[in-house]
């Protein structure tokens, strides 16, 4: 049995054009993404630490982009507004602006990346 406190421990954001997806997420997140080839797939590792949830941008067999289905929310830091403000300039579009969840649960927003995925951001501020 895992000792991780996280319910979610990994996510994969599919890409059809890996270079475009990598550039988009580096711009929005404001951090570099390390790239690695694993078998027939190319993966870009999203910023993470040993005690956080991990994830990648992935291009390869079975990596199908989607605006429907499971929705991944990335960590928006102290305030998701700066990341959300970079979405359109990086080639994406804002689907849901910064929205107060209420009851002290923070804020969320949704964007569409240039690959055709709907992705969320979450922050407490």
C-alpha atoms as a PDB file:
ATOM      1  CA  UNK A   1       0.000   0.000   0.000  1.00  0.00           C
ATOM      2  CA  UNK A   2       1.251   3.465  -0.905  1.00  0.00           C
ATOM      3  CA  UNK A   3       2.157   5.927   1.815  1.00  0.00           C
ATOM      4  CA  UNK A   4       1.510   8.935  -0.446  1.00  0.00           C
ATOM      5  CA  UNK A   5      -1.089  11.372   0.924  1.00  0.00           C
ATOM      6  CA  UNK A   6      -2.195  12.229  -2.623  1.00  0.00           C
ATOM      7  CA  UNK A   7      -5.218  10.613  -4.253  1.00  0.00           C
ATOM      8  CA  UNK A   8      -3.877  11.544  -7.689  1.00  0.00           C
ATOM      9  CA  UNK A   9      -0.202  10.709  -8.223  1.00  0.00           C
ATOM     10  CA  UNK A  10       0.394  11.146 -11.972  1.00  0.00           C
ATOM     11  CA  UNK A  11      -1.161  12.872 -14.967  1.00  0.00           C
ATOM     12  CA  UNK A  12      -0.435  12.883 -18.683  1.00  0.00           C
ATOM     13  CA  UNK A  13      -1.458  15.728 -20.978  1.00  0.00           C
ATOM     14  CA  UNK A  14      -1.477  14.448 -24.569  1.00  0.00           C
ATOM     15  CA  UNK A  15       0.104  16.385 -27.433  1.00  0.00           C
ATOM     16  CA  UNK A  16       0.064  16.028 -31.207  1.00  0.00           C
ATOM     17  CA  UNK A  17       2.810  18.649 -31.710  1.00  0.00           C
ATOM     18  CA  UNK A  18       5.239  18.127 -28.827  1.00  0.00           C
ATOM     19  CA  UNK A  19       7.382  21.223 -29.451  1.00  0.00           C
ATOM     20  CA  UNK A  20       4.293  23.461 -29.550  1.00  0.00           C
ATOM     21  CA  UNK A  21       2.873  21.897 -26.359  1.00  0.00           C
ATOM     22  CA  UNK A  22       6.204  22.189 -24.542  1.00  0.00           C
ATOM     23  CA  UNK A  23       6.587  25.857 -25.493  1.00  0.00           C
ATOM     24  CA  UNK A  24       2.996  26.575 -24.400  1.00  0.00           C
ATOM     25  CA  UNK A  25       3.332  24.975 -20.960  1.00  0.00           C
ATOM     26  CA  UNK A  26       6.773  26.494 -20.348  1.00  0.00           C
ATOM     27  CA  UNK A  27       5.293  29.919 -21.075  1.00  0.00           C
ATOM     28  CA  UNK A  28       2.144  29.461 -18.993  1.00  0.00           C
ATOM     29  CA  UNK A  29       3.916  27.840 -16.028  1.00  0.00           C
ATOM     30  CA  UNK A  30       6.889  30.182 -16.284  1.00  0.00           C
ATOM     31  CA  UNK A  31       9.314  27.267 -15.836  1.00  0.00           C
ATOM     32  CA  UNK A  32      11.345  24.942 -18.034  1.00  0.00           C
ATOM     33  CA  UNK A  33      10.205  21.426 -18.915  1.00  0.00           C
ATOM     34  CA  UNK A  34      12.735  18.598 -19.135  1.00  0.00           C
ATOM     35  CA  UNK A  35      12.256  16.332 -22.163  1.00  0.00           C
ATOM     36  CA  UNK A  36      12.879  12.591 -22.334  1.00  0.00           C
ATOM     37  CA  UNK A  37      12.196   9.883 -24.910  1.00  0.00           C
ATOM     38  CA  UNK A  38      10.781   6.713 -23.394  1.00  0.00           C
ATOM     39  CA  UNK A  39      10.280   3.997 -25.982  1.00  0.00           C
ATOM     40  CA  UNK A  40       8.056   5.372 -28.729  1.00  0.00           C
ATOM     41  CA  UNK A  41       6.871   8.329 -26.611  1.00  0.00           C
ATOM     42  CA  UNK A  42       8.285  11.801 -26.045  1.00  0.00           C
ATOM     43  CA  UNK A  43       7.594  13.177 -22.579  1.00  0.00           C
ATOM     44  CA  UNK A  44       8.026  16.618 -21.081  1.00  0.00           C
ATOM     45  CA  UNK A  45       8.134  16.507 -17.286  1.00  0.00           C
ATOM     46  CA  UNK A  46       6.061  19.199 -15.589  1.00  0.00           C
ATOM     47  CA  UNK A  47       7.787  20.907 -12.645  1.00  0.00           C
ATOM     48  CA  UNK A  48       7.502  18.701  -9.558  1.00  0.00           C
ATOM     49  CA  UNK A  49       9.255  17.774  -6.331  1.00  0.00           C
ATOM     50  CA  UNK A  50       9.615  14.403  -4.565  1.00  0.00           C
ATOM     51  CA  UNK A  51       6.609  15.154  -2.320  1.00  0.00           C
ATOM     52  CA  UNK A  52       4.301  16.464  -5.059  1.00  0.00           C
ATOM     53  CA  UNK A  53       2.080  14.948  -7.716  1.00  0.00           C
ATOM     54  CA  UNK A  54       3.911  14.419 -11.010  1.00  0.00           C
ATOM     55  CA  UNK A  55       2.922  14.668 -14.622  1.00  0.00           C
ATOM     56  CA  UNK A  56       4.049  14.996 -18.203  1.00  0.00           C
ATOM     57  CA  UNK A  57       3.143  16.294 -21.610  1.00  0.00           C
ATOM     58  CA  UNK A  58       3.248  13.200 -23.815  1.00  0.00           C
ATOM     59  CA  UNK A  59       3.324  12.598 -27.567  1.00  0.00           C
ATOM     60  CA  UNK A  60       3.094   9.028 -28.764  1.00  0.00           C
ATOM     61  CA  UNK A  61       0.811   6.112 -29.434  1.00  0.00           C
ATOM     62  CA  UNK A  62      -2.444   6.409 -27.503  1.00  0.00           C
ATOM     63  CA  UNK A  63      -1.915  10.068 -26.573  1.00  0.00           C
ATOM     64  CA  UNK A  64      -5.203  11.552 -27.794  1.00  0.00           C
ATOM     65  CA  UNK A  65      -6.077  15.164 -27.002  1.00  0.00           C
ATOM     66  CA  UNK A  66      -9.501  15.973 -25.535  1.00  0.00           C
ATOM     67  CA  UNK A  67     -11.687  18.832 -24.401  1.00  0.00           C
ATOM     68  CA  UNK A  68     -13.946  16.355 -22.622  1.00  0.00           C
ATOM     69  CA  UNK A  69     -13.329  13.640 -20.066  1.00  0.00           C
ATOM     70  CA  UNK A  70     -11.146  13.825 -16.978  1.00  0.00           C
ATOM     71  CA  UNK A  71     -10.024  17.354 -16.156  1.00  0.00           C
ATOM     72  CA  UNK A  72      -6.533  17.889 -14.741  1.00  0.00           C
ATOM     73  CA  UNK A  73      -5.977  20.967 -12.556  1.00  0.00           C
ATOM     74  CA  UNK A  74      -2.418  22.249 -12.388  1.00  0.00           C
ATOM     75  CA  UNK A  75      -1.086  24.093  -9.356  1.00  0.00           C
ATOM     76  CA  UNK A  76      -1.644  27.802  -9.955  1.00  0.00           C
ATOM     77  CA  UNK A  77       0.755  28.853  -7.181  1.00  0.00           C
ATOM     78  CA  UNK A  78      -0.229  31.588  -4.749  1.00  0.00           C
ATOM     79  CA  UNK A  79      -2.493  33.239  -7.346  1.00  0.00           C
ATOM     80  CA  UNK A  80      -3.453  31.595 -10.650  1.00  0.00           C
ATOM     81  CA  UNK A  81      -4.072  34.967 -12.360  1.00  0.00           C
ATOM     82  CA  UNK A  82      -0.466  35.443 -13.642  1.00  0.00           C
ATOM     83  CA  UNK A  83      -0.421  31.989 -15.263  1.00  0.00           C
ATOM     84  CA  UNK A  84      -3.883  32.458 -16.716  1.00  0.00           C
ATOM     85  CA  UNK A  85      -2.804  35.838 -18.149  1.00  0.00           C
ATOM     86  CA  UNK A  86      -0.073  34.065 -20.172  1.00  0.00           C
ATOM     87  CA  UNK A  87      -2.420  31.502 -21.790  1.00  0.00           C
ATOM     88  CA  UNK A  88      -3.585  33.531 -24.806  1.00  0.00           C
ATOM     89  CA  UNK A  89      -0.123  34.927 -25.603  1.00  0.00           C
ATOM     90  CA  UNK A  90       1.194  31.350 -25.620  1.00  0.00           C
ATOM     91  CA  UNK A  91      -1.420  30.205 -28.150  1.00  0.00           C
ATOM     92  CA  UNK A  92      -4.237  28.933 -25.919  1.00  0.00           C
ATOM     93  CA  UNK A  93      -7.573  30.381 -24.884  1.00  0.00           C
ATOM     94  CA  UNK A  94      -9.309  30.942 -21.555  1.00  0.00           C
ATOM     95  CA  UNK A  95     -12.459  28.825 -21.257  1.00  0.00           C
ATOM     96  CA  UNK A  96     -13.422  29.781 -17.672  1.00  0.00           C
ATOM     97  CA  UNK A  97     -11.860  32.859 -16.056  1.00  0.00           C
ATOM     98  CA  UNK A  98     -10.552  32.903 -12.485  1.00  0.00           C
ATOM     99  CA  UNK A  99     -13.546  31.874 -10.398  1.00  0.00           C
ATOM    100  CA  UNK A 100     -14.001  31.809  -6.614  1.00  0.00           C
ATOM    101  CA  UNK A 101     -14.990  28.283  -5.551  1.00  0.00           C
ATOM    102  CA  UNK A 102     -16.333  29.570  -2.238  1.00  0.00           C
ATOM    103  CA  UNK A 103     -16.231  28.120   1.294  1.00  0.00           C
ATOM    104  CA  UNK A 104     -12.475  28.758   1.492  1.00  0.00           C
ATOM    105  CA  UNK A 105     -11.579  26.275  -1.259  1.00  0.00           C
ATOM    106  CA  UNK A 106      -9.732  28.848  -3.368  1.00  0.00           C
ATOM    107  CA  UNK A 107     -10.043  29.644  -7.055  1.00  0.00           C
ATOM    108  CA  UNK A 108     -10.064  27.769 -10.360  1.00  0.00           C
ATOM    109  CA  UNK A 109      -9.891  28.543 -14.057  1.00  0.00           C
ATOM    110  CA  UNK A 110      -9.967  26.441 -17.239  1.00  0.00           C
ATOM    111  CA  UNK A 111      -8.056  26.959 -20.464  1.00  0.00           C
ATOM    112  CA  UNK A 112      -7.758  25.247 -23.838  1.00  0.00           C
ATOM    113  CA  UNK A 113      -4.190  24.495 -24.872  1.00  0.00           C
ATOM    114  CA  UNK A 114      -3.047  24.626 -28.524  1.00  0.00           C
ATOM    115  CA  UNK A 115      -3.228  20.811 -28.669  1.00  0.00           C
ATOM    116  CA  UNK A 116      -6.980  20.763 -28.009  1.00  0.00           C
ATOM    117  CA  UNK A 117      -6.956  19.815 -24.304  1.00  0.00           C
ATOM    118  CA  UNK A 118      -9.028  21.490 -21.606  1.00  0.00           C
ATOM    119  CA  UNK A 119      -6.870  21.940 -18.480  1.00  0.00           C
ATOM    120  CA  UNK A 120      -7.597  23.602 -15.159  1.00  0.00           C
ATOM    121  CA  UNK A 121      -5.619  25.766 -12.759  1.00  0.00           C
ATOM    122  CA  UNK A 122      -6.208  25.956  -9.000  1.00  0.00           C
ATOM    123  CA  UNK A 123      -4.872  28.330  -6.353  1.00  0.00           C
ATOM    124  CA  UNK A 124      -5.891  29.476  -2.904  1.00  0.00           C
ATOM    125  CA  UNK A 125      -5.457  33.151  -3.850  1.00  0.00           C
END
